[in-house]
Amino acid sequence: MNYTPEITSVDYLNKFWESCRHHWQETWIDYQNLFEDKTCVDIGIWKGLLNARAKKQFNCQTKIGVEPNSIHRADCKKLNPHTKLYPSIEELPDTIDTDILILHGVIRLMGTRWIQEMRILLSKVNCKYIHIRYSNPDGSYAEKIVKNIDGREFNKYNMDSYEKSPTTNDIIKFLNTVNFSLINQKDTNTNNTIMTFEKQL
C-alpha cells in the first residue's frame, strides 16, 4: 500500500501549493479589495488551499464549497473546518446568502450544459458578486481534454472536447439576462480571463 501523507503536512501542502500558487496572485491577491471581510460560496473548491489562505490573509470566509471528488473534500475539510462541503450543485441547500459566488476554472467544464447548471446555481445562491476565472482555449488543450491533472476531475459529463464550451461573451450575455453586470475584466499571462459581475437591483 502506498503511503499518502496528510494534507496538513508541510511536504504535501508545498506540493499542491506549487500547482496553484499562480492562481493565488492573479485570481485572489489582485482582487483583495473585493474579497476582504466577505463571505463566499466556491464551486470547484478542490482542496481549499487558496480558500484557507484567503481566510487568514483577507478574512474571507468560504461558507460553502462544491467538490465532486471525495478525497479532495476530505482534504479541504482539514484546511477549512468551518466550510460546508457538497459533491454537486444539485445537492446544495435551496437558499444560500453570501457576498461572492466563486467560479474559478469551472464553467468550461460544464460544456453544453453550462446554462442549465448556472440556472440551478443562481436559484440557490443569493449573492452580490460573481467572480469567474475562465480558461481560454489554446491549441491542443482546446481540442482534447486531459482527464486528470494533479488528481483533479476536469468535468463530470465525460466530455472529450471543449469546443462547445461557452465563450466569455456568452457568459457576459447570459449573466446580463439574470441581472448581473460586468464591472471588471482582465486577461492574464496564463491565458485566463478574470471577470467580476455585480448584481443589479
Protein backbone atom coordinates (compact mmCIF):
# COMPACT_ATOMS: atom_id res chain seq x y z
CA MET A 1 0.00 0.00 0.00
CA ASN A 2 1.34 3.44 -0.93
CA TYR A 3 1.60 5.93 1.90
CA THR A 4 -0.27 9.17 1.29
CA PRO A 5 0.78 11.98 3.64
CA GLU A 6 -1.74 14.15 5.40
CA ILE A 7 -2.82 17.27 3.51
CA THR A 8 -1.67 19.29 6.52
CA SER A 9 1.90 18.00 6.31
CA VAL A 10 4.42 20.55 5.05
CA ASP A 11 5.60 18.43 2.11
CA TYR A 12 2.11 17.70 0.89
CA LEU A 13 0.97 21.30 1.20
CA ASN A 14 4.04 22.54 -0.64
CA LYS A 15 3.43 20.10 -3.49
CA PHE A 16 -0.12 21.27 -4.11
CA TRP A 17 0.68 24.92 -3.41
CA GLU A 18 3.16 24.86 -6.30
CA SER A 19 0.38 23.67 -8.63
CA CYS A 20 -1.95 26.56 -7.76
CA ARG A 21 0.21 29.45 -6.49
CA HIS A 22 -0.17 31.37 -9.80
CA HIS A 23 -3.93 31.40 -9.21
CA TRP A 24 -3.38 33.00 -5.81
CA GLN A 25 -1.72 36.01 -7.41
CA GLU A 26 -3.91 36.52 -10.47
CA THR A 27 -7.27 35.44 -9.05
CA TRP A 28 -7.12 36.38 -5.35
CA ILE A 29 -4.35 38.87 -4.49
CA ASP A 30 -5.26 41.17 -7.38
CA TYR A 31 -8.83 41.28 -6.02
CA GLN A 32 -8.09 41.71 -2.33
CA ASN A 33 -10.44 44.70 -2.08
CA LEU A 34 -13.28 42.53 -3.36
CA PHE A 35 -12.63 39.52 -1.10
CA GLU A 36 -11.63 41.28 2.12
CA ASP A 37 -14.07 40.68 5.01
CA LYS A 38 -16.53 38.89 2.72
CA THR A 39 -18.27 35.51 2.69
CA CYS A 40 -18.26 33.30 -0.38
CA VAL A 41 -19.51 30.10 -1.98
CA ASP A 42 -16.85 28.33 -4.06
CA ILE A 43 -17.89 25.99 -6.88
CA GLY A 44 -14.94 23.72 -7.64
CA ILE A 45 -13.14 24.37 -4.35
CA TRP A 46 -10.70 21.43 -4.88
CA LYS A 47 -8.55 21.01 -1.75
CA GLY A 48 -9.32 24.51 -0.49
CA LEU A 49 -5.71 25.71 -0.22
CA LEU A 50 -6.49 29.14 -1.61
CA ASN A 51 -9.63 29.49 0.50
CA ALA A 52 -7.69 28.75 3.68
CA ARG A 53 -5.10 31.34 2.71
CA ALA A 54 -7.81 33.90 1.89
CA LYS A 55 -9.37 33.33 5.32
CA LYS A 56 -6.04 34.02 7.01
CA GLN A 57 -4.92 36.92 4.82
CA PHE A 58 -8.20 38.65 3.85
CA ASN A 59 -10.66 37.39 6.46
CA CYS A 60 -12.64 35.97 3.52
CA GLN A 61 -14.79 33.14 4.86
CA THR A 62 -15.79 30.34 2.46
CA LYS A 63 -19.16 29.27 3.85
CA ILE A 64 -19.83 26.53 1.30
CA GLY A 65 -17.78 24.67 -1.29
CA VAL A 66 -18.66 22.20 -4.06
CA GLU A 67 -16.17 19.47 -4.97
CA PRO A 68 -17.12 16.15 -6.66
CA ASN A 69 -14.03 14.22 -5.52
CA SER A 70 -14.36 12.73 -2.01
CA ILE A 71 -10.58 12.77 -1.36
CA HIS A 72 -10.37 16.46 -2.22
CA ARG A 73 -13.39 17.17 0.01
CA ALA A 74 -11.73 15.36 2.91
CA ASP A 75 -8.51 17.33 2.45
CA CYS A 76 -10.44 20.57 2.06
CA LYS A 77 -12.29 19.96 5.33
CA LYS A 78 -8.99 19.63 7.20
CA LEU A 79 -7.84 23.00 5.90
CA ASN A 80 -11.27 24.68 6.12
CA PRO A 81 -13.07 23.06 9.07
CA HIS A 82 -15.92 25.61 9.10
CA THR A 83 -16.74 25.25 5.39
CA LYS A 84 -19.72 23.06 4.49
CA LEU A 85 -18.88 20.86 1.51
CA TYR A 86 -21.14 19.27 -1.10
CA PRO A 87 -20.39 16.93 -4.03
CA SER A 88 -22.59 18.74 -6.57
CA ILE A 89 -24.54 21.93 -7.29
CA GLU A 90 -27.77 19.94 -7.20
CA GLU A 91 -27.15 18.94 -3.57
CA LEU A 92 -26.66 22.50 -2.30
CA PRO A 93 -29.28 23.90 0.10
CA ASP A 94 -32.15 25.72 -1.58
CA THR A 95 -31.33 29.14 -0.09
CA ILE A 96 -27.79 30.42 0.49
CA ASP A 97 -26.98 34.06 1.25
CA THR A 98 -23.39 35.12 0.61
CA ASP A 99 -21.37 38.05 -0.70
CA ILE A 100 -19.47 36.36 -3.54
CA LEU A 101 -20.09 33.34 -5.74
CA ILE A 102 -16.73 31.95 -6.93
CA LEU A 103 -16.47 30.09 -10.24
CA HIS A 104 -12.75 29.67 -10.83
CA GLY A 105 -11.98 27.49 -13.82
CA VAL A 106 -15.23 25.53 -13.78
CA ILE A 107 -17.68 26.98 -16.33
CA ARG A 108 -15.87 25.44 -19.30
CA LEU A 109 -16.10 22.07 -17.56
CA MET A 110 -19.90 22.29 -17.72
CA GLY A 111 -19.78 22.04 -21.53
CA THR A 112 -23.09 22.47 -23.32
CA ARG A 113 -24.96 22.22 -20.01
CA TRP A 114 -23.41 25.38 -18.56
CA ILE A 115 -26.59 27.47 -18.74
CA GLN A 116 -28.63 24.74 -17.05
CA GLU A 117 -26.00 24.42 -14.30
CA MET A 118 -25.83 28.19 -13.84
CA ARG A 119 -29.60 28.50 -13.57
CA ILE A 120 -29.71 25.83 -10.86
CA LEU A 121 -26.83 27.50 -9.04
CA LEU A 122 -28.30 31.00 -9.17
CA SER A 123 -31.68 29.70 -8.00
CA LYS A 124 -29.96 28.56 -4.80
CA VAL A 125 -27.26 31.19 -4.19
CA ASN A 126 -28.19 34.78 -3.42
CA CYS A 127 -25.04 36.87 -3.88
CA LYS A 128 -23.95 40.42 -4.71
CA TYR A 129 -20.90 39.45 -6.78
CA ILE A 130 -19.82 36.63 -9.08
CA HIS A 131 -16.09 36.13 -9.59
CA ILE A 132 -15.08 33.99 -12.57
CA ARG A 133 -11.77 32.68 -13.82
CA TYR A 134 -12.26 31.41 -17.36
CA SER A 135 -9.59 29.27 -19.02
CA ASN A 136 -9.31 30.36 -22.62
CA PRO A 137 -8.84 27.58 -25.21
CA ASP A 138 -5.40 27.38 -26.75
CA GLY A 139 -4.09 24.87 -29.27
CA SER A 140 -4.38 21.18 -28.43
CA TYR A 141 -5.83 21.93 -24.99
CA ALA A 142 -8.96 23.24 -26.69
CA GLU A 143 -9.43 20.07 -28.71
CA LYS A 144 -8.55 17.29 -26.33
CA ILE A 145 -9.31 17.09 -22.62
CA VAL A 146 -6.76 15.79 -20.18
CA LYS A 147 -8.90 13.79 -17.80
CA ASN A 148 -6.74 14.11 -14.71
CA ILE A 149 -4.10 16.66 -13.71
CA ASP A 150 -2.85 16.88 -10.11
CA GLY A 151 -5.61 14.47 -9.14
CA ARG A 152 -8.36 16.85 -10.25
CA GLU A 153 -11.52 15.80 -12.02
CA PHE A 154 -11.81 18.07 -15.04
CA ASN A 155 -15.50 17.53 -15.79
CA LYS A 156 -18.44 15.41 -14.70
CA TYR A 157 -20.02 14.95 -18.14
CA ASN A 158 -17.27 12.80 -19.69
CA MET A 159 -16.63 15.44 -22.35
CA ASP A 160 -13.83 14.75 -24.77
CA SER A 161 -13.66 18.29 -26.19
CA TYR A 162 -14.03 21.88 -25.02
CA GLU A 163 -15.10 23.10 -28.46
CA LYS A 164 -18.74 23.57 -27.39
CA SER A 165 -17.94 25.35 -24.14
CA PRO A 166 -19.16 28.96 -23.83
CA THR A 167 -17.05 31.97 -24.73
CA THR A 168 -16.51 34.87 -22.35
CA ASN A 169 -19.06 36.84 -24.40
CA ASP A 170 -21.60 34.04 -23.95
CA ILE A 171 -21.09 34.21 -20.18
CA ILE A 172 -21.42 38.01 -20.10
CA LYS A 173 -24.63 37.93 -22.17
CA PHE A 174 -26.21 35.20 -20.04
CA LEU A 175 -25.39 36.90 -16.73
CA ASN A 176 -26.85 40.15 -18.05
CA THR A 177 -30.17 38.33 -18.52
CA VAL A 178 -30.18 37.43 -14.82
CA ASN A 179 -29.27 40.96 -13.69
CA PHE A 180 -25.51 40.64 -13.22
CA SER A 181 -23.39 43.29 -14.92
CA LEU A 182 -19.70 43.01 -15.75
CA ILE A 183 -17.73 45.52 -13.66
CA ASN A 184 -14.18 44.28 -14.24
CA GLN A 185 -12.39 42.07 -16.80
CA LYS A 186 -8.71 41.15 -17.05
CA ASP A 187 -6.71 38.81 -19.28
CA THR A 188 -3.78 37.12 -17.52
CA ASN A 189 -0.39 35.90 -18.70
CA THR A 190 -1.55 32.32 -18.11
CA ASN A 191 -4.28 32.52 -20.75
CA ASN A 192 -7.11 33.07 -18.29
CA THR A 193 -9.76 35.78 -18.21
CA ILE A 194 -10.86 37.05 -14.79
CA MET A 195 -14.32 38.62 -14.66
CA THR A 196 -16.23 40.27 -11.81
CA PHE A 197 -20.00 40.72 -12.02
CA GLU A 198 -22.22 42.74 -9.72
CA LYS A 199 -25.92 42.16 -9.15
CA GLN A 200 -28.11 44.99 -10.32
CA LEU A 201 -31.08 45.66 -8.06
